[in-house]
Amino acid sequence: MLGFTIKLVDENEEPSKKTALLSAEKRSDQWSMLLVSVAETRDRHAFSQLFSHFAPLL
């Protein structure tokens, strides 16, 4: 995995550092495939499926 540093500003406007890990692996689960489809082709059906599943959880 690759290490990547992200600079964030919290509610107090104080800079903080968080580390995110990026993976070179490609995921093939249903949700990942739907996200890729939305990102690459603006697939409205894929977005609808994601929204229907995740919106009630928010």
Protein backbone atom coordinates (compact mmCIF):
# COMPACT_ATOMS: atom_id res chain seq x y z
CA MET A 1 0.00 0.00 0.00
CA LEU A 2 1.08 3.53 -0.66
CA GLY A 3 1.15 6.14 2.09
CA PHE A 4 -0.43 9.50 1.26
CA THR A 5 -0.59 12.49 3.58
CA ILE A 6 -3.67 14.71 3.50
CA LYS A 7 -3.69 18.11 5.16
CA LEU A 8 -7.05 18.88 6.77
CA VAL A 9 -8.41 21.83 8.68
CA ASP A 10 -10.61 21.00 11.65
CA GLU A 11 -13.50 23.04 13.07
CA ASN A 12 -11.05 25.20 15.03
CA GLU A 13 -9.21 26.00 11.80
CA GLU A 14 -6.06 24.37 13.13
CA PRO A 15 -4.14 22.43 10.51
CA SER A 16 -3.89 18.74 11.24
CA LYS A 17 -2.44 15.80 9.35
CA LYS A 18 -4.19 12.55 8.61
CA THR A 19 -2.67 9.64 6.73
CA ALA A 20 -4.67 7.79 4.09
CA LEU A 21 -3.58 4.48 2.64
CA LEU A 22 -4.01 3.94 -1.07
CA SER A 23 -4.17 0.42 -2.40
CA ALA A 24 -2.95 -0.73 -5.80
CA GLU A 25 -5.52 -3.54 -5.69
CA LYS A 26 -8.65 -3.26 -7.81
CA ARG A 27 -11.85 -4.01 -5.98
CA SER A 28 -14.59 -5.98 -7.69
CA ASP A 29 -17.42 -5.88 -5.15
CA GLN A 30 -20.84 -4.58 -6.25
CA TRP A 31 -20.60 -1.17 -4.53
CA SER A 32 -17.12 -0.46 -5.90
CA MET A 33 -18.20 -1.32 -9.42
CA LEU A 34 -21.23 0.97 -9.11
CA LEU A 35 -19.04 3.83 -7.83
CA VAL A 36 -16.63 3.39 -10.73
CA SER A 37 -19.53 3.40 -13.18
CA VAL A 38 -20.88 6.65 -11.75
CA ALA A 39 -17.43 8.25 -11.75
CA GLU A 40 -16.45 7.23 -15.26
CA THR A 41 -19.72 7.42 -17.21
CA ARG A 42 -22.13 9.32 -14.93
CA ASP A 43 -24.33 6.18 -14.90
CA ARG A 44 -27.69 7.30 -13.51
CA HIS A 45 -28.91 3.76 -12.85
CA ALA A 46 -25.79 2.96 -10.82
CA PHE A 47 -26.22 6.22 -8.89
CA SER A 48 -29.84 5.32 -8.18
CA GLN A 49 -28.81 1.94 -6.78
CA LEU A 50 -26.16 3.52 -4.55
CA PHE A 51 -28.52 6.24 -3.37
CA SER A 52 -31.35 3.78 -2.64
CA HIS A 53 -29.04 1.67 -0.50
CA PHE A 54 -26.96 4.28 1.34
CA ALA A 55 -29.30 7.29 1.71
CA PRO A 56 -31.44 5.69 4.45
CA LEU A 57 -28.27 4.97 6.44
CA LEU A 58 -27.36 8.67 6.70
